[in-house]
Amino acid sequence: MELSDGLSLTLGGTTLALVVKELFAWLRSRHQKTEISPDPLRVDKLDKYITRGEFNKHVEDNARDHENIFARLNANDKLTSKMEGLLEGIREDLKAIKNKLFKARN
């Protein structure tokens, strides 16, 4: 028996062991009950269930709140743009004053 034969047997045995291990893991997981933790559907602590009408009202209120938020964001964007324009004007004025001061010194 040569060294390469022994290496081949070792690699073959390791590969076979890994395949068998994966097969058993697959079989075990296939027959187990899937559990999600924490339970996302716990309703045992609810006092009451909501009706479809209450849910629809909540959806409408939520949509209205989002519209208001986006309206405020748009208003803030417009105000920010105006402020940036004013600041640019102030920068230009300061540059002009600075240029006049430096020319007056020279």
N, C-alpha and C. Protein backbone atom coordinates (compact mmCIF):
# COMPACT_ATOMS: atom_id res chain seq x y z
N MET A 1 0.85 -1.17 0.00
CA MET A 1 0.00 0.00 0.00
C MET A 1 0.89 1.23 0.00
N GLU A 2 0.64 2.13 -0.92
CA GLU A 2 1.44 3.32 -1.04
C GLU A 2 0.81 4.46 -0.24
N LEU A 3 1.57 5.55 -0.12
CA LEU A 3 1.09 6.72 0.62
C LEU A 3 -0.13 7.33 -0.06
N SER A 4 -0.15 7.36 -1.38
CA SER A 4 -1.28 7.95 -2.10
C SER A 4 -2.55 7.12 -1.91
N ASP A 5 -2.40 5.78 -1.77
CA ASP A 5 -3.56 4.94 -1.51
C ASP A 5 -4.15 5.25 -0.13
N GLY A 6 -3.30 5.42 0.83
CA GLY A 6 -3.76 5.74 2.19
C GLY A 6 -4.44 7.10 2.23
N LEU A 7 -3.88 8.05 1.51
CA LEU A 7 -4.47 9.39 1.45
C LEU A 7 -5.83 9.33 0.76
N SER A 8 -5.93 8.55 -0.29
CA SER A 8 -7.21 8.41 -1.00
C SER A 8 -8.26 7.79 -0.09
N LEU A 9 -7.87 6.76 0.66
CA LEU A 9 -8.81 6.13 1.59
C LEU A 9 -9.25 7.11 2.68
N THR A 10 -8.31 7.89 3.18
CA THR A 10 -8.64 8.87 4.22
C THR A 10 -9.61 9.92 3.69
N LEU A 11 -9.31 10.45 2.52
CA LEU A 11 -10.20 11.47 1.93
C LEU A 11 -11.56 10.88 1.59
N GLY A 12 -11.56 9.66 1.07
CA GLY A 12 -12.83 9.00 0.75
C GLY A 12 -13.66 8.74 1.98
N GLY A 13 -13.02 8.29 3.05
CA GLY A 13 -13.74 8.04 4.30
C GLY A 13 -14.28 9.31 4.91
N THR A 14 -13.49 10.38 4.87
CA THR A 14 -13.93 11.68 5.40
C THR A 14 -15.12 12.19 4.61
N THR A 15 -15.04 12.08 3.29
CA THR A 15 -16.14 12.54 2.43
C THR A 15 -17.41 11.73 2.71
N LEU A 16 -17.27 10.43 2.82
CA LEU A 16 -18.42 9.58 3.11
C LEU A 16 -19.03 9.93 4.47
N ALA A 17 -18.19 10.18 5.46
CA ALA A 17 -18.69 10.54 6.79
C ALA A 17 -19.46 11.86 6.74
N LEU A 18 -18.96 12.84 5.98
CA LEU A 18 -19.66 14.12 5.85
C LEU A 18 -21.00 13.96 5.14
N VAL A 19 -21.03 13.14 4.10
CA VAL A 19 -22.28 12.91 3.37
C VAL A 19 -23.30 12.24 4.28
N VAL A 20 -22.89 11.24 5.04
CA VAL A 20 -23.80 10.55 5.95
C VAL A 20 -24.29 11.52 7.04
N LYS A 21 -23.39 12.35 7.55
CA LYS A 21 -23.78 13.33 8.58
C LYS A 21 -24.83 14.29 8.03
N GLU A 22 -24.63 14.81 6.81
CA GLU A 22 -25.60 15.72 6.20
C GLU A 22 -26.93 15.02 5.93
N LEU A 23 -26.88 13.77 5.53
CA LEU A 23 -28.10 13.00 5.28
C LEU A 23 -28.91 12.85 6.56
N PHE A 24 -28.25 12.51 7.66
CA PHE A 24 -28.97 12.38 8.93
C PHE A 24 -29.51 13.73 9.41
N ALA A 25 -28.75 14.80 9.22
CA ALA A 25 -29.23 16.13 9.61
C ALA A 25 -30.46 16.51 8.79
N TRP A 26 -30.44 16.18 7.50
CA TRP A 26 -31.58 16.49 6.65
C TRP A 26 -32.81 15.69 7.07
N LEU A 27 -32.62 14.42 7.34
CA LEU A 27 -33.75 13.57 7.77
C LEU A 27 -34.31 14.05 9.11
N ARG A 28 -33.43 14.39 10.04
CA ARG A 28 -33.87 14.87 11.34
C ARG A 28 -34.66 16.17 11.21
N SER A 29 -34.16 17.11 10.40
CA SER A 29 -34.85 18.39 10.25
C SER A 29 -36.17 18.24 9.50
N ARG A 30 -36.24 17.25 8.63
CA ARG A 30 -37.46 17.03 7.87
C ARG A 30 -38.61 16.54 8.74
N HIS A 31 -38.29 15.84 9.80
CA HIS A 31 -39.32 15.26 10.65
C HIS A 31 -39.51 16.03 11.96
N GLN A 32 -38.83 17.16 12.11
CA GLN A 32 -39.01 17.96 13.32
C GLN A 32 -40.06 19.03 13.07
N LYS A 33 -40.67 19.46 14.17
CA LYS A 33 -41.62 20.55 14.09
C LYS A 33 -40.84 21.87 14.05
N THR A 34 -41.20 22.73 13.12
CA THR A 34 -40.53 24.01 13.01
C THR A 34 -41.08 24.96 14.07
N GLU A 35 -40.18 25.57 14.83
CA GLU A 35 -40.59 26.52 15.86
C GLU A 35 -39.94 27.86 15.59
N ILE A 36 -40.72 28.90 15.73
CA ILE A 36 -40.22 30.26 15.56
C ILE A 36 -40.23 30.89 16.94
N SER A 37 -39.11 31.49 17.30
CA SER A 37 -39.02 32.09 18.62
C SER A 37 -38.51 33.51 18.48
N PRO A 38 -39.09 34.48 19.11
CA PRO A 38 -40.33 34.43 19.88
C PRO A 38 -41.52 34.28 18.95
N ASP A 39 -42.59 33.74 19.49
CA ASP A 39 -43.78 33.45 18.71
C ASP A 39 -44.40 34.75 18.19
N PRO A 40 -44.45 34.95 16.86
CA PRO A 40 -44.96 36.21 16.33
C PRO A 40 -46.48 36.32 16.35
N LEU A 41 -47.16 35.22 16.62
CA LEU A 41 -48.62 35.22 16.54
C LEU A 41 -49.30 35.05 17.90
N ARG A 42 -48.63 35.46 18.96
CA ARG A 42 -49.24 35.28 20.28
C ARG A 42 -50.44 36.19 20.44
N VAL A 43 -51.56 35.59 20.70
CA VAL A 43 -52.78 36.35 20.89
C VAL A 43 -53.42 36.05 22.23
N ASP A 44 -52.78 35.24 23.04
CA ASP A 44 -53.39 34.85 24.31
C ASP A 44 -53.46 36.00 25.30
N LYS A 45 -52.67 37.05 25.10
CA LYS A 45 -52.69 38.18 26.04
C LYS A 45 -53.55 39.34 25.53
N LEU A 46 -54.21 39.17 24.40
CA LEU A 46 -55.08 40.21 23.88
C LEU A 46 -56.40 40.22 24.64
N ASP A 47 -56.89 41.43 24.91
CA ASP A 47 -58.18 41.55 25.57
C ASP A 47 -59.32 41.28 24.60
N LYS A 48 -59.14 41.74 23.37
CA LYS A 48 -60.18 41.55 22.36
C LYS A 48 -59.53 41.58 20.99
N TYR A 49 -60.27 41.10 20.04
CA TYR A 49 -59.81 41.15 18.65
C TYR A 49 -60.42 42.37 17.99
N ILE A 50 -59.73 42.90 17.00
CA ILE A 50 -60.28 44.07 16.31
C ILE A 50 -61.13 43.60 15.14
N THR A 51 -62.03 44.47 14.74
CA THR A 51 -62.89 44.16 13.60
C THR A 51 -62.23 44.63 12.32
N ARG A 52 -62.75 44.19 11.20
CA ARG A 52 -62.22 44.62 9.89
C ARG A 52 -62.34 46.13 9.75
N GLY A 53 -63.45 46.70 10.25
CA GLY A 53 -63.65 48.15 10.18
C GLY A 53 -62.60 48.91 10.97
N GLU A 54 -62.29 48.42 12.17
CA GLU A 54 -61.25 49.07 12.98
C GLU A 54 -59.90 48.99 12.28
N PHE A 55 -59.62 47.85 11.68
CA PHE A 55 -58.36 47.68 10.96
C PHE A 55 -58.29 48.64 9.77
N ASN A 56 -59.38 48.73 9.00
CA ASN A 56 -59.40 49.63 7.84
C ASN A 56 -59.24 51.08 8.27
N LYS A 57 -59.86 51.46 9.41
CA LYS A 57 -59.70 52.82 9.92
C LYS A 57 -58.24 53.07 10.28
N HIS A 58 -57.61 52.09 10.90
CA HIS A 58 -56.20 52.22 11.25
C HIS A 58 -55.33 52.40 9.99
N VAL A 59 -55.64 51.64 8.95
CA VAL A 59 -54.89 51.75 7.70
C VAL A 59 -55.07 53.14 7.09
N GLU A 60 -56.29 53.66 7.10
CA GLU A 60 -56.55 55.00 6.57
C GLU A 60 -55.82 56.06 7.38
N ASP A 61 -55.88 55.96 8.72
CA ASP A 61 -55.17 56.91 9.58
C ASP A 61 -53.67 56.86 9.31
N ASN A 62 -53.14 55.66 9.15
CA ASN A 62 -51.72 55.49 8.89
C ASN A 62 -51.35 56.13 7.55
N ALA A 63 -52.17 55.93 6.52
CA ALA A 63 -51.91 56.52 5.20
C ALA A 63 -51.95 58.04 5.29
N ARG A 64 -52.92 58.59 6.03
CA ARG A 64 -53.02 60.03 6.20
C ARG A 64 -51.80 60.58 6.93
N ASP A 65 -51.35 59.87 7.97
CA ASP A 65 -50.15 60.30 8.69
C ASP A 65 -48.94 60.34 7.76
N HIS A 66 -48.82 59.33 6.91
CA HIS A 66 -47.70 59.31 5.97
C HIS A 66 -47.78 60.48 4.98
N GLU A 67 -48.98 60.77 4.50
CA GLU A 67 -49.14 61.91 3.59
C GLU A 67 -48.71 63.20 4.29
N ASN A 68 -49.11 63.37 5.55
CA ASN A 68 -48.73 64.57 6.29
C ASN A 68 -47.22 64.65 6.48
N ILE A 69 -46.61 63.52 6.76
CA ILE A 69 -45.16 63.51 6.94
C ILE A 69 -44.46 63.91 5.65
N PHE A 70 -44.90 63.34 4.52
CA PHE A 70 -44.27 63.66 3.25
C PHE A 70 -44.52 65.11 2.86
N ALA A 71 -45.68 65.64 3.18
CA ALA A 71 -45.97 67.05 2.91
C ALA A 71 -45.02 67.95 3.71
N ARG A 72 -44.81 67.60 4.99
CA ARG A 72 -43.89 68.39 5.82
C ARG A 72 -42.46 68.27 5.30
N LEU A 73 -42.07 67.08 4.86
CA LEU A 73 -40.72 66.92 4.31
C LEU A 73 -40.54 67.76 3.05
N ASN A 74 -41.55 67.80 2.18
CA ASN A 74 -41.47 68.62 0.98
C ASN A 74 -41.37 70.10 1.33
N ALA A 75 -42.16 70.53 2.32
CA ALA A 75 -42.10 71.93 2.76
C ALA A 75 -40.71 72.25 3.32
N ASN A 76 -40.14 71.32 4.09
CA ASN A 76 -38.79 71.55 4.63
C ASN A 76 -37.75 71.60 3.52
N ASP A 77 -37.91 70.79 2.48
CA ASP A 77 -36.99 70.83 1.35
C ASP A 77 -37.04 72.19 0.65
N LYS A 78 -38.25 72.71 0.45
CA LYS A 78 -38.39 74.02 -0.19
C LYS A 78 -37.76 75.12 0.66
N LEU A 79 -38.01 75.07 1.97
CA LEU A 79 -37.45 76.08 2.87
C LEU A 79 -35.93 75.99 2.89
N THR A 80 -35.41 74.78 2.90
CA THR A 80 -33.96 74.60 2.89
C THR A 80 -33.36 75.17 1.61
N SER A 81 -34.02 74.96 0.49
CA SER A 81 -33.53 75.51 -0.78
C SER A 81 -33.51 77.04 -0.74
N LYS A 82 -34.56 77.63 -0.20
CA LYS A 82 -34.60 79.10 -0.07
C LYS A 82 -33.47 79.59 0.82
N MET A 83 -33.25 78.90 1.94
CA MET A 83 -32.19 79.30 2.86
C MET A 83 -30.81 79.17 2.20
N GLU A 84 -30.62 78.11 1.42
CA GLU A 84 -29.35 77.94 0.71
C GLU A 84 -29.13 79.08 -0.27
N GLY A 85 -30.20 79.51 -0.94
CA GLY A 85 -30.09 80.64 -1.86
C GLY A 85 -29.71 81.91 -1.13
N LEU A 86 -30.35 82.15 0.01
CA LEU A 86 -30.02 83.34 0.80
C LEU A 86 -28.58 83.30 1.30
N LEU A 87 -28.15 82.12 1.76
CA LEU A 87 -26.77 81.99 2.24
C LEU A 87 -25.77 82.20 1.12
N GLU A 88 -26.09 81.75 -0.06
CA GLU A 88 -25.19 81.97 -1.20
C GLU A 88 -25.07 83.46 -1.49
N GLY A 89 -26.20 84.18 -1.41
CA GLY A 89 -26.17 85.64 -1.59
C GLY A 89 -25.32 86.31 -0.52
N ILE A 90 -25.44 85.85 0.72
CA ILE A 90 -24.63 86.42 1.81
C ILE A 90 -23.15 86.13 1.57
N ARG A 91 -22.83 84.93 1.11
CA ARG A 91 -21.42 84.59 0.82
C ARG A 91 -20.85 85.51 -0.25
N GLU A 92 -21.64 85.74 -1.30
CA GLU A 92 -21.19 86.63 -2.37
C GLU A 92 -20.96 88.05 -1.85
N ASP A 93 -21.89 88.53 -1.00
CA ASP A 93 -21.74 89.86 -0.41
C ASP A 93 -20.48 89.93 0.45
N LEU A 94 -20.24 88.89 1.25
CA LEU A 94 -19.03 88.88 2.10
C LEU A 94 -17.76 88.85 1.26
N LYS A 95 -17.78 88.09 0.16
CA LYS A 95 -16.61 88.07 -0.73
C LYS A 95 -16.35 89.46 -1.30
N ALA A 96 -17.43 90.14 -1.72
CA ALA A 96 -17.27 91.48 -2.28
C ALA A 96 -16.72 92.44 -1.24
N ILE A 97 -17.22 92.37 -0.01
CA ILE A 97 -16.72 93.23 1.07
C ILE A 97 -15.25 92.92 1.34
N LYS A 98 -14.92 91.64 1.39
CA LYS A 98 -13.55 91.22 1.63
C LYS A 98 -12.62 91.75 0.54
N ASN A 99 -13.06 91.64 -0.71
CA ASN A 99 -12.24 92.15 -1.83
C ASN A 99 -12.04 93.65 -1.72
N LYS A 100 -13.10 94.40 -1.36
CA LYS A 100 -12.98 95.85 -1.22
C LYS A 100 -12.04 96.21 -0.08
N LEU A 101 -12.11 95.45 1.04
CA LEU A 101 -11.23 95.73 2.18
C LEU A 101 -9.78 95.48 1.82
N PHE A 102 -9.51 94.39 1.11
CA PHE A 102 -8.13 94.08 0.76
C PHE A 102 -7.60 95.06 -0.27
N LYS A 103 -8.47 95.53 -1.20
CA LYS A 103 -8.04 96.53 -2.18
C LYS A 103 -7.76 97.86 -1.50
N ALA A 104 -8.55 98.19 -0.47
CA ALA A 104 -8.36 99.44 0.26
C ALA A 104 -7.05 99.42 1.03
N ARG A 105 -6.62 98.26 1.52
CA ARG A 105 -5.37 98.14 2.28
C ARG A 105 -4.17 98.31 1.37
N ASN A 106 -4.30 97.81 0.15
CA ASN A 106 -3.14 97.85 -0.77
C ASN A 106 -3.04 99.17 -1.38
